[in-house]
Amino acid sequence: DFLDVADGALVELRLQGVLQIASFHPHYRFAGLAARDITHATNRSPHPLLHLLREASVANALAAFPRAAEEIVSRNQRRLQQLGPAGWARLQQQCRDDAAGPAVAAAVVT
């Protein structure tokens, strides 16, 4: 729902074509994929997140690297499929442990 509000704000502020919004969410789901499809994780984040992108910057990047966007998405999806649910869970845990820092990680181990 908040993404709709944010998209509406772009229209109201006359920023369509200037900014675009990329959304990420803990329960993000691509239309047409099974609920348990691991590739949903490419757009998942620990908390709801809106990423503002300058359209000119996106256009410049795509002009310089025309296939980059689709290649990055495909590569990320393949990597998640290779990891599988168990590997993805281990990677997420490693990220949480790294974010907690050495003091917290040592306390958990002892």
PDB file of N, CA and C in Angstrom:
ATOM      1  N   ASP A   1       0.820  -1.196   0.000  1.00  0.00           N
ATOM      2  CA  ASP A   1       0.000   0.000   0.000  1.00  0.00           C
ATOM      3  C   ASP A   1       0.865   1.260   0.000  1.00  0.00           C
ATOM      4  N   PHE A   2       1.961   1.217   0.779  1.00  0.00           N
ATOM      5  CA  PHE A   2       2.803   2.409   0.860  1.00  0.00           C
ATOM      6  C   PHE A   2       3.462   2.714  -0.474  1.00  0.00           C
ATOM      7  N   LEU A   3       3.780   1.684  -1.255  1.00  0.00           N
ATOM      8  CA  LEU A   3       4.365   1.915  -2.575  1.00  0.00           C
ATOM      9  C   LEU A   3       3.399   2.702  -3.445  1.00  0.00           C
ATOM     10  N   ASP A   4       2.109   2.398  -3.353  1.00  0.00           N
ATOM     11  CA  ASP A   4       1.113   3.169  -4.108  1.00  0.00           C
ATOM     12  C   ASP A   4       1.122   4.635  -3.678  1.00  0.00           C
ATOM     13  N   VAL A   5       1.248   4.877  -2.382  1.00  0.00           N
ATOM     14  CA  VAL A   5       1.316   6.253  -1.864  1.00  0.00           C
ATOM     15  C   VAL A   5       2.566   6.951  -2.406  1.00  0.00           C
ATOM     16  N   ALA A   6       3.696   6.248  -2.368  1.00  0.00           N
ATOM     17  CA  ALA A   6       4.949   6.833  -2.848  1.00  0.00           C
ATOM     18  C   ALA A   6       4.879   7.123  -4.348  1.00  0.00           C
ATOM     19  N   ASP A   7       4.321   6.186  -5.130  1.00  0.00           N
ATOM     20  CA  ASP A   7       4.155   6.422  -6.570  1.00  0.00           C
ATOM     21  C   ASP A   7       3.238   7.622  -6.814  1.00  0.00           C
ATOM     22  N   GLY A   8       2.195   7.734  -6.010  1.00  0.00           N
ATOM     23  CA  GLY A   8       1.304   8.886  -6.115  1.00  0.00           C
ATOM     24  C   GLY A   8       2.022  10.186  -5.809  1.00  0.00           C
ATOM     25  N   ALA A   9       2.933  10.161  -4.851  1.00  0.00           N
ATOM     26  CA  ALA A   9       3.707  11.351  -4.515  1.00  0.00           C
ATOM     27  C   ALA A   9       4.589  11.777  -5.686  1.00  0.00           C
ATOM     28  N   LEU A  10       5.153  10.807  -6.418  1.00  0.00           N
ATOM     29  CA  LEU A  10       5.944  11.154  -7.601  1.00  0.00           C
ATOM     30  C   LEU A  10       5.094  11.913  -8.614  1.00  0.00           C
ATOM     31  N   VAL A  11       3.869  11.460  -8.806  1.00  0.00           N
ATOM     32  CA  VAL A  11       2.964  12.135  -9.732  1.00  0.00           C
ATOM     33  C   VAL A  11       2.639  13.533  -9.214  1.00  0.00           C
ATOM     34  N   GLU A  12       2.256  13.603  -7.955  1.00  0.00           N
ATOM     35  CA  GLU A  12       1.871  14.882  -7.353  1.00  0.00           C
ATOM     36  C   GLU A  12       3.017  15.894  -7.390  1.00  0.00           C
ATOM     37  N   LEU A  13       4.234  15.417  -7.178  1.00  0.00           N
ATOM     38  CA  LEU A  13       5.395  16.302  -7.173  1.00  0.00           C
ATOM     39  C   LEU A  13       5.995  16.503  -8.565  1.00  0.00           C
ATOM     40  N   ARG A  14       5.331  15.942  -9.570  1.00  0.00           N
ATOM     41  CA  ARG A  14       5.787  16.037 -10.970  1.00  0.00           C
ATOM     42  C   ARG A  14       7.203  15.496 -11.146  1.00  0.00           C
ATOM     43  N   LEU A  15       7.449  14.369 -10.501  1.00  0.00           N
ATOM     44  CA  LEU A  15       8.762  13.735 -10.578  1.00  0.00           C
ATOM     45  C   LEU A  15       8.751  12.437 -11.383  1.00  0.00           C
ATOM     46  N   GLN A  16       7.610  12.110 -12.006  1.00  0.00           N
ATOM     47  CA  GLN A  16       7.595  10.955 -12.896  1.00  0.00           C
ATOM     48  C   GLN A  16       8.532  11.256 -14.048  1.00  0.00           C
ATOM     49  N   GLY A  17       9.378  10.290 -14.379  1.00  0.00           N
ATOM     50  CA  GLY A  17      10.364  10.516 -15.420  1.00  0.00           C
ATOM     51  C   GLY A  17      11.656  11.094 -14.878  1.00  0.00           C
ATOM     52  N   VAL A  18      11.630  11.579 -13.646  1.00  0.00           N
ATOM     53  CA  VAL A  18      12.835  12.087 -12.984  1.00  0.00           C
ATOM     54  C   VAL A  18      13.337  11.043 -11.986  1.00  0.00           C
ATOM     55  N   LEU A  19      12.419  10.514 -11.187  1.00  0.00           N
ATOM     56  CA  LEU A  19      12.732   9.481 -10.203  1.00  0.00           C
ATOM     57  C   LEU A  19      11.883   8.250 -10.464  1.00  0.00           C
ATOM     58  N   GLN A  20      12.412   7.113 -10.103  1.00  0.00           N
ATOM     59  CA  GLN A  20      11.613   5.885 -10.077  1.00  0.00           C
ATOM     60  C   GLN A  20      11.871   5.214  -8.739  1.00  0.00           C
ATOM     61  N   ILE A  21      10.940   4.395  -8.338  1.00  0.00           N
ATOM     62  CA  ILE A  21      11.024   3.739  -7.032  1.00  0.00           C
ATOM     63  C   ILE A  21      11.192   2.238  -7.231  1.00  0.00           C
ATOM     64  N   ALA A  22      12.239   1.705  -6.609  1.00  0.00           N
ATOM     65  CA  ALA A  22      12.426   0.256  -6.548  1.00  0.00           C
ATOM     66  C   ALA A  22      12.028  -0.153  -5.128  1.00  0.00           C
ATOM     67  N   SER A  23      11.175  -1.148  -5.023  1.00  0.00           N
ATOM     68  CA  SER A  23      10.685  -1.541  -3.705  1.00  0.00           C
ATOM     69  C   SER A  23      11.247  -2.895  -3.287  1.00  0.00           C
ATOM     70  N   PHE A  24      11.473  -2.998  -1.988  1.00  0.00           N
ATOM     71  CA  PHE A  24      11.955  -4.230  -1.366  1.00  0.00           C
ATOM     72  C   PHE A  24      11.140  -4.435  -0.095  1.00  0.00           C
ATOM     73  N   HIS A  25      10.897  -5.698   0.254  1.00  0.00           N
ATOM     74  CA  HIS A  25      10.030  -5.984   1.396  1.00  0.00           C
ATOM     75  C   HIS A  25      10.350  -7.393   1.897  1.00  0.00           C
ATOM     76  N   PRO A  26      10.185  -7.645   3.193  1.00  0.00           N
ATOM     77  CA  PRO A  26      10.468  -8.985   3.713  1.00  0.00           C
ATOM     78  C   PRO A  26       9.627 -10.087   3.064  1.00  0.00           C
ATOM     79  N   HIS A  27       8.460  -9.744   2.555  1.00  0.00           N
ATOM     80  CA  HIS A  27       7.566 -10.747   1.961  1.00  0.00           C
ATOM     81  C   HIS A  27       7.329 -10.482   0.475  1.00  0.00           C
ATOM     82  N   TYR A  28       8.292  -9.839  -0.191  1.00  0.00           N
ATOM     83  CA  TYR A  28       8.142  -9.483  -1.606  1.00  0.00           C
ATOM     84  C   TYR A  28       7.831 -10.733  -2.429  1.00  0.00           C
ATOM     85  N   ARG A  29       6.893 -10.584  -3.360  1.00  0.00           N
ATOM     86  CA  ARG A  29       6.551 -11.688  -4.267  1.00  0.00           C
ATOM     87  C   ARG A  29       6.366 -11.150  -5.662  1.00  0.00           C
ATOM     88  N   PHE A  30       6.996 -11.823  -6.627  1.00  0.00           N
ATOM     89  CA  PHE A  30       6.790 -11.512  -8.032  1.00  0.00           C
ATOM     90  C   PHE A  30       5.491 -12.162  -8.485  1.00  0.00           C
ATOM     91  N   ALA A  31       4.731 -11.454  -9.272  1.00  0.00           N
ATOM     92  CA  ALA A  31       3.483 -12.008  -9.813  1.00  0.00           C
ATOM     93  C   ALA A  31       3.813 -13.216 -10.693  1.00  0.00           C
ATOM     94  N   GLY A  32       2.974 -14.216 -10.605  1.00  0.00           N
ATOM     95  CA  GLY A  32       3.107 -15.379 -11.469  1.00  0.00           C
ATOM     96  C   GLY A  32       4.062 -16.454 -10.974  1.00  0.00           C
ATOM     97  N   LEU A  33       4.723 -16.236  -9.847  1.00  0.00           N
ATOM     98  CA  LEU A  33       5.617 -17.258  -9.301  1.00  0.00           C
ATOM     99  C   LEU A  33       4.995 -17.899  -8.070  1.00  0.00           C
ATOM    100  N   ALA A  34       5.334 -19.139  -7.842  1.00  0.00           N
ATOM    101  CA  ALA A  34       4.839 -19.844  -6.664  1.00  0.00           C
ATOM    102  C   ALA A  34       5.301 -19.131  -5.395  1.00  0.00           C
ATOM    103  N   ALA A  35       4.504 -19.209  -4.363  1.00  0.00           N
ATOM    104  CA  ALA A  35       4.795 -18.500  -3.111  1.00  0.00           C
ATOM    105  C   ALA A  35       6.162 -18.878  -2.548  1.00  0.00           C
ATOM    106  N   ARG A  36       6.572 -20.115  -2.723  1.00  0.00           N
ATOM    107  CA  ARG A  36       7.841 -20.583  -2.142  1.00  0.00           C
ATOM    108  C   ARG A  36       9.026 -20.447  -3.096  1.00  0.00           C
ATOM    109  N   ASP A  37       8.845 -19.824  -4.244  1.00  0.00           N
ATOM    110  CA  ASP A  37       9.949 -19.657  -5.200  1.00  0.00           C
ATOM    111  C   ASP A  37      11.050 -18.821  -4.556  1.00  0.00           C
ATOM    112  N   ILE A  38      12.243 -19.372  -4.521  1.00  0.00           N
ATOM    113  CA  ILE A  38      13.346 -18.709  -3.829  1.00  0.00           C
ATOM    114  C   ILE A  38      13.772 -17.419  -4.507  1.00  0.00           C
ATOM    115  N   THR A  39      13.449 -17.245  -5.794  1.00  0.00           N
ATOM    116  CA  THR A  39      13.887 -16.042  -6.495  1.00  0.00           C
ATOM    117  C   THR A  39      13.166 -14.776  -6.032  1.00  0.00           C
ATOM    118  N   HIS A  40      12.106 -14.924  -5.243  1.00  0.00           N
ATOM    119  CA  HIS A  40      11.484 -13.735  -4.638  1.00  0.00           C
ATOM    120  C   HIS A  40      12.511 -13.004  -3.766  1.00  0.00           C
ATOM    121  N   ALA A  41      13.482 -13.736  -3.247  1.00  0.00           N
ATOM    122  CA  ALA A  41      14.464 -13.165  -2.323  1.00  0.00           C
ATOM    123  C   ALA A  41      15.309 -12.073  -2.965  1.00  0.00           C
ATOM    124  N   THR A  42      15.350 -12.001  -4.308  1.00  0.00           N
ATOM    125  CA  THR A  42      16.128 -10.935  -4.943  1.00  0.00           C
ATOM    126  C   THR A  42      15.565  -9.560  -4.612  1.00  0.00           C
ATOM    127  N   ASN A  43      14.308  -9.487  -4.238  1.00  0.00           N
ATOM    128  CA  ASN A  43      13.678  -8.203  -3.900  1.00  0.00           C
ATOM    129  C   ASN A  43      13.203  -8.172  -2.450  1.00  0.00           C
ATOM    130  N   ARG A  44      13.767  -9.024  -1.642  1.00  0.00           N
ATOM    131  CA  ARG A  44      13.393  -9.029  -0.225  1.00  0.00           C
ATOM    132  C   ARG A  44      14.459  -8.298   0.583  1.00  0.00           C
ATOM    133  N   SER A  45      14.024  -7.734   1.681  1.00  0.00           N
ATOM    134  CA  SER A  45      14.919  -7.029   2.598  1.00  0.00           C
ATOM    135  C   SER A  45      14.393  -7.246   4.010  1.00  0.00           C
ATOM    136  N   PRO A  46      15.235  -7.043   5.015  1.00  0.00           N
ATOM    137  CA  PRO A  46      14.772  -7.269   6.387  1.00  0.00           C
ATOM    138  C   PRO A  46      13.603  -6.371   6.790  1.00  0.00           C
ATOM    139  N   HIS A  47      13.552  -5.191   6.199  1.00  0.00           N
ATOM    140  CA  HIS A  47      12.490  -4.225   6.505  1.00  0.00           C
ATOM    141  C   HIS A  47      11.967  -3.666   5.184  1.00  0.00           C
ATOM    142  N   PRO A  48      10.730  -3.170   5.136  1.00  0.00           N
ATOM    143  CA  PRO A  48      10.249  -2.519   3.914  1.00  0.00           C
ATOM    144  C   PRO A  48      11.190  -1.374   3.535  1.00  0.00           C
ATOM    145  N   LEU A  49      11.488  -1.278   2.252  1.00  0.00           N
ATOM    146  CA  LEU A  49      12.468  -0.308   1.784  1.00  0.00           C
ATOM    147  C   LEU A  49      12.058   0.228   0.422  1.00  0.00           C
ATOM    148  N   LEU A  50      12.126   1.530   0.269  1.00  0.00           N
ATOM    149  CA  LEU A  50      11.931   2.156  -1.034  1.00  0.00           C
ATOM    150  C   LEU A  50      13.254   2.765  -1.451  1.00  0.00           C
ATOM    151  N   HIS A  51      13.723   2.398  -2.624  1.00  0.00           N
ATOM    152  CA  HIS A  51      14.990   2.885  -3.154  1.00  0.00           C
ATOM    153  C   HIS A  51      14.664   3.860  -4.273  1.00  0.00           C
ATOM    154  N   LEU A  52      15.056   5.118  -4.111  1.00  0.00           N
ATOM    155  CA  LEU A  52      14.803   6.128  -5.135  1.00  0.00           C
ATOM    156  C   LEU A  52      15.956   6.128  -6.133  1.00  0.00           C
ATOM    157  N   LEU A  53      15.610   6.015  -7.396  1.00  0.00           N
ATOM    158  CA  LEU A  53      16.599   5.998  -8.464  1.00  0.00           C
ATOM    159  C   LEU A  53      16.373   7.192  -9.384  1.00  0.00           C
ATOM    160  N   ARG A  54      17.431   7.853  -9.760  1.00  0.00           N
ATOM    161  CA  ARG A  54      17.316   8.921 -10.749  1.00  0.00           C
ATOM    162  C   ARG A  54      17.225   8.283 -12.127  1.00  0.00           C
ATOM    163  N   GLU A  55      16.182   8.608 -12.841  1.00  0.00           N
ATOM    164  CA  GLU A  55      15.976   8.002 -14.160  1.00  0.00           C
ATOM    165  C   GLU A  55      17.144   8.278 -15.092  1.00  0.00           C
ATOM    166  N   ALA A  56      17.722   9.482 -15.021  1.00  0.00           N
ATOM    167  CA  ALA A  56      18.863   9.812 -15.884  1.00  0.00           C
ATOM    168  C   ALA A  56      20.046   8.906 -15.574  1.00  0.00           C
ATOM    169  N   SER A  57      20.265   8.614 -14.314  1.00  0.00           N
ATOM    170  CA  SER A  57      21.365   7.724 -13.932  1.00  0.00           C
ATOM    171  C   SER A  57      21.116   6.309 -14.435  1.00  0.00           C
ATOM    172  N   VAL A  58      19.877   5.859 -14.318  1.00  0.00           N
ATOM    173  CA  VAL A  58      19.525   4.527 -14.820  1.00  0.00           C
ATOM    174  C   VAL A  58      19.727   4.477 -16.332  1.00  0.00           C
ATOM    175  N   ALA A  59      19.275   5.513 -17.037  1.00  0.00           N
ATOM    176  CA  ALA A  59      19.433   5.568 -18.495  1.00  0.00           C
ATOM    177  C   ALA A  59      20.904   5.561 -18.885  1.00  0.00           C
ATOM    178  N   ASN A  60      21.736   6.318 -18.165  1.00  0.00           N
ATOM    179  CA  ASN A  60      23.173   6.342 -18.460  1.00  0.00           C
ATOM    180  C   ASN A  60      23.808   4.979 -18.238  1.00  0.00           C
ATOM    181  N   ALA A  61      23.441   4.328 -17.153  1.00  0.00           N
ATOM    182  CA  ALA A  61      23.990   3.005 -16.861  1.00  0.00           C
ATOM    183  C   ALA A  61      23.580   1.992 -17.928  1.00  0.00           C
ATOM    184  N   LEU A  62      22.305   2.048 -18.336  1.00  0.00           N
ATOM    185  CA  LEU A  62      21.837   1.107 -19.359  1.00  0.00           C
ATOM    186  C   LEU A  62      22.450   1.395 -20.723  1.00  0.00           C
ATOM    187  N   ALA A  63      22.735   2.666 -21.006  1.00  0.00           N
ATOM    188  CA  ALA A  63      23.402   3.003 -22.269  1.00  0.00           C
ATOM    189  C   ALA A  63      24.824   2.445 -22.275  1.00  0.00           C
ATOM    190  N   ALA A  64      25.491   2.523 -21.133  1.00  0.00           N
ATOM    191  CA  ALA A  64      26.866   2.030 -21.041  1.00  0.00           C
ATOM    192  C   ALA A  64      26.924   0.504 -20.985  1.00  0.00           C
ATOM    193  N   PHE A  65      25.929  -0.097 -20.336  1.00  0.00           N
ATOM    194  CA  PHE A  65      25.890  -1.554 -20.156  1.00  0.00           C
ATOM    195  C   PHE A  65      24.485  -2.047 -20.494  1.00  0.00           C
ATOM    196  N   PRO A  66      24.135  -2.119 -21.785  1.00  0.00           N
ATOM    197  CA  PRO A  66      22.748  -2.372 -22.190  1.00  0.00           C
ATOM    198  C   PRO A  66      22.121  -3.664 -21.664  1.00  0.00           C
ATOM    199  N   ARG A  67      22.918  -4.681 -21.445  1.00  0.00           N
ATOM    200  CA  ARG A  67      22.344  -5.949 -20.998  1.00  0.00           C
ATOM    201  C   ARG A  67      22.522  -6.170 -19.497  1.00  0.00           C
ATOM    202  N   ALA A  68      23.119  -5.227 -18.826  1.00  0.00           N
ATOM    203  CA  ALA A  68      23.476  -5.416 -17.418  1.00  0.00           C
ATOM    204  C   ALA A  68      22.271  -5.718 -16.543  1.00  0.00           C
ATOM    205  N   ALA A  69      21.191  -4.965 -16.692  1.00  0.00           N
ATOM    206  CA  ALA A  69      20.033  -5.148 -15.807  1.00  0.00           C
ATOM    207  C   ALA A  69      19.502  -6.573 -15.877  1.00  0.00           C
ATOM    208  N   GLU A  70      19.248  -7.059 -17.077  1.00  0.00           N
ATOM    209  CA  GLU A  70      18.701  -8.416 -17.182  1.00  0.00           C
ATOM    210  C   GLU A  70      19.721  -9.464 -16.774  1.00  0.00           C
ATOM    211  N   GLU A  71      20.998  -9.221 -17.043  1.00  0.00           N
ATOM    212  CA  GLU A  71      22.027 -10.175 -16.646  1.00  0.00           C
ATOM    213  C   GLU A  71      22.167 -10.247 -15.127  1.00  0.00           C
ATOM    214  N   ILE A  72      22.098  -9.106 -14.472  1.00  0.00           N
ATOM    215  CA  ILE A  72      22.216  -9.085 -13.013  1.00  0.00           C
ATOM    216  C   ILE A  72      21.038  -9.816 -12.382  1.00  0.00           C
ATOM    217  N   VAL A  73      19.839  -9.536 -12.857  1.00  0.00           N
ATOM    218  CA  VAL A  73      18.651 -10.206 -12.319  1.00  0.00           C
ATOM    219  C   VAL A  73      18.755 -11.709 -12.534  1.00  0.00           C
ATOM    220  N   SER A  74      19.091 -12.127 -13.745  1.00  0.00           N
ATOM    221  CA  SER A  74      19.207 -13.563 -14.050  1.00  0.00           C
ATOM    222  C   SER A  74      20.280 -14.229 -13.202  1.00  0.00           C
ATOM    223  N   ARG A  75      21.436 -13.569 -13.072  1.00  0.00           N
ATOM    224  CA  ARG A  75      22.535 -14.132 -12.280  1.00  0.00           C
ATOM    225  C   ARG A  75      22.127 -14.278 -10.820  1.00  0.00           C
ATOM    226  N   ASN A  76      21.455 -13.264 -10.268  1.00  0.00           N
ATOM    227  CA  ASN A  76      21.011 -13.340  -8.879  1.00  0.00           C
ATOM    228  C   ASN A  76      19.993 -14.456  -8.675  1.00  0.00           C
ATOM    229  N   GLN A  77      19.075 -14.604  -9.612  1.00  0.00           N
ATOM    230  CA  GLN A  77      18.071 -15.665  -9.498  1.00  0.00           C
ATOM    231  C   GLN A  77      18.722 -17.042  -9.589  1.00  0.00           C
ATOM    232  N   ARG A  78      19.666 -17.201 -10.516  1.00  0.00           N
ATOM    233  CA  ARG A  78      20.367 -18.493 -10.634  1.00  0.00           C
ATOM    234  C   ARG A  78      21.141 -18.805  -9.354  1.00  0.00           C
ATOM    235  N   ARG A  79      21.784 -17.789  -8.797  1.00  0.00           N
ATOM    236  CA  ARG A  79      22.563 -18.008  -7.570  1.00  0.00           C
ATOM    237  C   ARG A  79      21.674 -18.462  -6.419  1.00  0.00           C
ATOM    238  N   LEU A  80      20.507 -17.841  -6.283  1.00  0.00           N
ATOM    239  CA  LEU A  80      19.580 -18.262  -5.233  1.00  0.00           C
ATOM    240  C   LEU A  80      19.111 -19.692  -5.458  1.00  0.00           C
ATOM    241  N   GLN A  81      18.846 -20.041  -6.711  1.00  0.00           N
ATOM    242  CA  GLN A  81      18.425 -21.411  -7.016  1.00  0.00           C
ATOM    243  C   GLN A  81      19.539 -22.400  -6.684  1.00  0.00           C
ATOM    244  N   GLN A  82      20.804 -22.016  -6.941  1.00  0.00           N
ATOM    245  CA  GLN A  82      21.932 -22.880  -6.605  1.00  0.00           C
ATOM    246  C   GLN A  82      22.071 -23.040  -5.093  1.00  0.00           C
ATOM    247  N   LEU A  83      21.899 -21.943  -4.356  1.00  0.00           N
ATOM    248  CA  LEU A  83      21.999 -22.007  -2.898  1.00  0.00           C
ATOM    249  C   LEU A  83      20.903 -22.874  -2.302  1.00  0.00           C
ATOM    250  N   GLY A  84      19.702 -22.750  -2.854  1.00  0.00           N
ATOM    251  CA  GLY A  84      18.551 -23.452  -2.295  1.00  0.00           C
ATOM    252  C   GLY A  84      18.160 -22.837  -0.961  1.00  0.00           C
ATOM    253  N   PRO A  85      17.040 -23.256  -0.408  1.00  0.00           N
ATOM    254  CA  PRO A  85      16.569 -22.671   0.847  1.00  0.00           C
ATOM    255  C   PRO A  85      17.562 -22.792   2.004  1.00  0.00           C
ATOM    256  N   ALA A  86      18.224 -23.938   2.128  1.00  0.00           N
ATOM    257  CA  ALA A  86      19.170 -24.119   3.240  1.00  0.00           C
ATOM    258  C   ALA A  86      20.385 -23.200   3.078  1.00  0.00           C
ATOM    259  N   GLY A  87      20.922 -23.112   1.880  1.00  0.00           N
ATOM    260  CA  GLY A  87      22.069 -22.245   1.630  1.00  0.00           C
ATOM    261  C   GLY A  87      21.718 -20.781   1.806  1.00  0.00           C
ATOM    262  N   TRP A  88      20.526 -20.396   1.373  1.00  0.00           N
ATOM    263  CA  TRP A  88      20.066 -19.017   1.541  1.00  0.00           C
ATOM    264  C   TRP A  88      19.906 -18.698   3.027  1.00  0.00           C
ATOM    265  N   ALA A  89      19.378 -19.632   3.799  1.00  0.00           N
ATOM    266  CA  ALA A  89      19.223 -19.420   5.245  1.00  0.00           C
ATOM    267  C   ALA A  89      20.594 -19.264   5.912  1.00  0.00           C
ATOM    268  N   ARG A  90      21.591 -20.080   5.498  1.00  0.00           N
ATOM    269  CA  ARG A  90      22.934 -19.964   6.067  1.00  0.00           C
ATOM    270  C   ARG A  90      23.554 -18.606   5.741  1.00  0.00           C
ATOM    271  N   LEU A  91      23.381 -18.153   4.506  1.00  0.00           N
ATOM    272  CA  LEU A  91      23.927 -16.860   4.105  1.00  0.00           C
ATOM    273  C   LEU A  91      23.282 -15.717   4.895  1.00  0.00           C
ATOM    274  N   GLN A  92      21.969 -15.792   5.091  1.00  0.00           N
ATOM    275  CA  GLN A  92      21.287 -14.772   5.885  1.00  0.00           C
ATOM    276  C   GLN A  92      21.797 -14.771   7.323  1.00  0.00           C
ATOM    277  N   GLN A  93      22.000 -15.957   7.888  1.00  0.00           N
ATOM    278  CA  GLN A  93      22.502 -16.047   9.257  1.00  0.00           C
ATOM    279  C   GLN A  93      23.905 -15.471   9.348  1.00  0.00           C
ATOM    280  N   GLN A  94      24.723 -15.749   8.362  1.00  0.00           N
ATOM    281  CA  GLN A  94      26.073 -15.199   8.344  1.00  0.00           C
ATOM    282  C   GLN A  94      26.022 -13.672   8.309  1.00  0.00           C
ATOM    283  N   CYS A  95      25.125 -13.105   7.532  1.00  0.00           N
ATOM    284  CA  CYS A  95      24.974 -11.648   7.474  1.00  0.00           C
ATOM    285  C   CYS A  95      24.528 -11.088   8.822  1.00  0.00           C
ATOM    286  N   ARG A  96      23.590 -11.777   9.474  1.00  0.00           N
ATOM    287  CA  ARG A  96      23.146 -11.324  10.805  1.00  0.00           C
ATOM    288  C   ARG A  96      24.292 -11.390  11.807  1.00  0.00           C
ATOM    289  N   ASP A  97      25.068 -12.469  11.748  1.00  0.00           N
ATOM    290  CA  ASP A  97      26.205 -12.614  12.657  1.00  0.00           C
ATOM    291  C   ASP A  97      27.236 -11.523  12.398  1.00  0.00           C
ATOM    292  N   ASP A  98      27.514 -11.258  11.127  1.00  0.00           N
ATOM    293  CA  ASP A  98      28.477 -10.211  10.784  1.00  0.00           C
ATOM    294  C   ASP A  98      27.992  -8.848  11.260  1.00  0.00           C
ATOM    295  N   ALA A  99      26.703  -8.587  11.124  1.00  0.00           N
ATOM    296  CA  ALA A  99      26.150  -7.292  11.545  1.00  0.00           C
ATOM    297  C   ALA A  99      26.166  -7.154  13.057  1.00  0.00           C
ATOM    298  N   ALA A 100      26.057  -8.252  13.773  1.00  0.00           N
ATOM    299  CA  ALA A 100      26.047  -8.211  15.226  1.00  0.00           C
ATOM    300  C   ALA A 100      27.418  -7.849  15.790  1.00  0.00           C
ATOM    301  N   GLY A 101      28.450  -8.127  15.058  1.00  0.00           N
ATOM    302  CA  GLY A 101      29.795  -7.791  15.498  1.00  0.00           C
ATOM    303  C   GLY A 101      30.433  -8.903  16.303  1.00  0.00           C
ATOM    304  N   PRO A 102      31.735  -8.805  16.531  1.00  0.00           N
ATOM    305  CA  PRO A 102      32.474  -9.886  17.198  1.00  0.00           C
ATOM    306  C   PRO A 102      32.046 -10.114  18.652  1.00  0.00           C
ATOM    307  N   ALA A 103      31.684  -9.085  19.381  1.00  0.00           N
ATOM    308  CA  ALA A 103      31.310  -9.270  20.791  1.00  0.00           C
ATOM    309  C   ALA A 103      30.065 -10.118  20.929  1.00  0.00           C
ATOM    310  N   VAL A 104      29.061  -9.837  20.088  1.00  0.00           N
ATOM    311  CA  VAL A 104      27.810 -10.598  20.140  1.00  0.00           C
ATOM    312  C   VAL A 104      28.045 -12.018  19.633  1.00  0.00           C
ATOM    313  N   ALA A 105      28.803 -12.156  18.555  1.00  0.00           N
ATOM    314  CA  ALA A 105      29.079 -13.489  18.008  1.00  0.00           C
ATOM    315  C   ALA A 105      29.826 -14.338  19.018  1.00  0.00           C
ATOM    316  N   ALA A 106      30.776 -13.765  19.758  1.00  0.00           N
ATOM    317  CA  ALA A 106      31.526 -14.510  20.770  1.00  0.00           C
ATOM    318  C   ALA A 106      30.607 -14.927  21.919  1.00  0.00           C
ATOM    319  N   ALA A 107      29.695 -14.061  22.295  1.00  0.00           N
ATOM    320  CA  ALA A 107      28.756 -14.374  23.379  1.00  0.00           C
ATOM    321  C   ALA A 107      27.836 -15.518  22.992  1.00  0.00           C
ATOM    322  N   VAL A 108      27.464 -15.577  21.715  1.00  0.00           N
ATOM    323  CA  VAL A 108      26.581 -16.636  21.242  1.00  0.00           C
ATOM    324  C   VAL A 108      27.319 -17.969  21.228  1.00  0.00           C
ATOM    325  N   VAL A 109      28.591 -17.968  20.865  1.00  0.00           N
ATOM    326  CA  VAL A 109      29.384 -19.184  20.758  1.00  0.00           C
ATOM    327  C   VAL A 109      29.667 -19.773  22.131  1.00  0.00           C
ATOM    328  N   THR A 110      29.933 -18.926  23.133  1.00  0.00           N
ATOM    329  CA  THR A 110      30.307 -19.434  24.459  1.00  0.00           C
ATOM    330  C   THR A 110      29.126 -19.914  25.254  1.00  0.00           C
TER     331      THR A 110
END
